[in-house]
Each structure stands twice: as C-alpha cells, then as structure tokens.
Protein backbone atom coordinates (compact mmCIF):
# COMPACT_ATOMS: atom_id res chain seq x y z
CA MET A 1 95.38 130.67 98.77
CA ALA A 2 94.02 129.86 102.23
CA ALA A 3 93.64 126.17 101.34
CA LEU A 4 97.18 126.05 99.99
CA ARG A 5 98.52 127.67 103.16
CA ALA A 6 96.61 125.17 105.26
CA GLU A 7 98.24 122.32 103.31
CA ILE A 8 101.67 123.86 103.82
CA ASP A 9 100.99 124.26 107.55
CA ALA A 10 99.89 120.61 107.76
CA LEU A 11 103.06 119.48 106.00
CA ASP A 12 105.17 121.63 108.33
CA ALA A 13 103.51 119.93 111.30
CA GLN A 14 104.32 116.53 109.79
CA ILE A 15 107.95 117.55 109.29
CA VAL A 16 108.19 118.63 112.93
CA THR A 17 106.63 115.33 114.01
CA LEU A 18 109.16 113.41 111.91
CA LEU A 19 112.02 115.43 113.38
CA ALA A 20 110.74 114.64 116.89
CA ASP A 21 110.63 110.95 115.93
CA ARG A 22 114.19 111.23 114.65
CA ALA A 23 115.28 112.86 117.92
CA ARG A 24 113.83 109.90 119.85
CA LEU A 25 115.86 107.53 117.68
CA ILE A 26 118.96 109.65 118.29
CA ASP A 27 118.33 109.33 122.03
CA ARG A 28 118.11 105.56 121.63
CA ALA A 29 121.36 105.52 119.65
CA ALA A 30 123.02 107.53 122.44
CA GLN A 31 121.90 104.87 124.92
CA LEU A 32 123.31 102.05 122.80
CA LYS A 33 126.60 103.60 121.71
CA PRO A 34 128.48 103.31 125.04
CA GLY A 35 127.83 99.56 125.13
CA GLU A 36 129.31 99.27 121.66
CA GLY A 37 132.20 101.62 122.38
CA LEU A 38 131.02 104.13 119.81
CA PRO A 39 131.38 107.92 119.96
CA ALA A 40 128.59 110.35 119.16
CA ARG A 41 130.34 111.43 115.95
CA ILE A 42 131.16 108.76 113.42
CA GLU A 43 132.37 110.71 110.42
CA ALA A 44 131.70 107.96 107.87
CA ARG A 45 128.12 107.72 109.11
CA VAL A 46 127.69 111.51 108.97
CA GLU A 47 128.71 111.52 105.32
CA GLU A 48 126.53 108.49 104.54
CA VAL A 49 123.45 110.16 106.05
CA VAL A 50 124.08 113.38 104.11
CA ARG A 51 124.71 111.52 100.84
CA ASN A 52 121.51 109.48 101.34
CA ALA A 53 119.46 112.65 101.88
CA MET A 54 121.01 114.35 98.85
CA ARG A 55 120.35 111.31 96.65
CA GLU A 56 116.73 111.20 97.85
CA ALA A 57 116.35 114.92 97.19
CA GLU A 58 117.69 114.63 93.68
CA ALA A 59 115.34 111.71 92.95
CA ARG A 60 112.42 113.88 94.07
CA GLY A 61 113.44 116.96 92.11
CA LEU A 62 114.80 118.96 95.05
CA ASP A 63 118.06 120.87 95.11
CA PRO A 64 120.62 118.48 96.66
CA ALA A 65 122.75 121.43 97.84
CA LEU A 66 119.83 122.78 99.88
CA ILE A 67 119.18 119.36 101.37
CA GLU A 68 122.88 118.98 102.17
CA THR A 69 122.78 122.24 104.13
CA ILE A 70 119.64 121.24 106.01
CA TRP A 71 120.88 117.72 106.75
CA ARG A 72 124.25 118.88 107.99
CA LEU A 73 122.40 121.11 110.48
CA ILE A 74 120.18 118.22 111.55
CA VAL A 75 123.14 115.86 111.90
CA GLU A 76 125.20 118.37 113.90
CA TRP A 77 122.24 119.02 116.20
CA SER A 78 121.80 115.25 116.59
CA ILE A 79 125.47 114.73 117.45
CA ALA A 80 125.32 117.51 120.04
CA ARG A 81 122.21 115.85 121.51
CA GLU A 82 124.03 112.50 121.71
CA GLU A 83 127.07 114.13 123.28
CA ARG A 84 124.86 115.63 126.01
CA VAL A 85 123.42 112.18 126.74
CA LEU A 86 126.90 110.65 126.68
CA GLY A 87 128.16 113.40 129.00
CA LYS A 88 130.72 114.70 126.53
CA GLU A 89 129.46 118.21 126.05
CA ASP A 90 132.14 120.79 125.27
C-alpha cells in the first residue's frame, strides 16, 4: 500500500506541475489578448476546451461528467486569472 500511495503522490505532484504550466500559458494569453482585441472569456473557446477534455476522458475510460466538472472549475479559475491581468476584475 505504501508504494501505491507513493505513486499516487507522485502523480498528484505531476498534475500540480501541469496546472502551474497551464497557468503560465494563461498568463501569456492574457498578455496577447489585448493586442488582438479579445476578452478573457470567449464562450466558444470555453466550450471547446471542455468538450476536448471530456472526449479525452472518455477515450481513457474516465467519467466525462467528472472531467467536465473539473475542467469547468479550471477554466473559470483561468478566466478570473486573465481578468485580473487585464484589469477587469469584478
């Protein structure tokens, strides 16, 4: 059991690292969007990102509904982060 827990902990660390990498890309997007006249929230893109994650989950045998919930949280957090950078915090 200890070895299994260690593997889970290592995967959790990788997930956090990937989320930090994603946050850096979100920061870069927030820097580029004003020059392209784009808002933080682009609804079509939100839905595309969620659909992509759900499709990937299904292909890997994960519950797409769970992944949808997680991804919507990630996307909303990302949009809020962009809005802070863009100075449009509510």
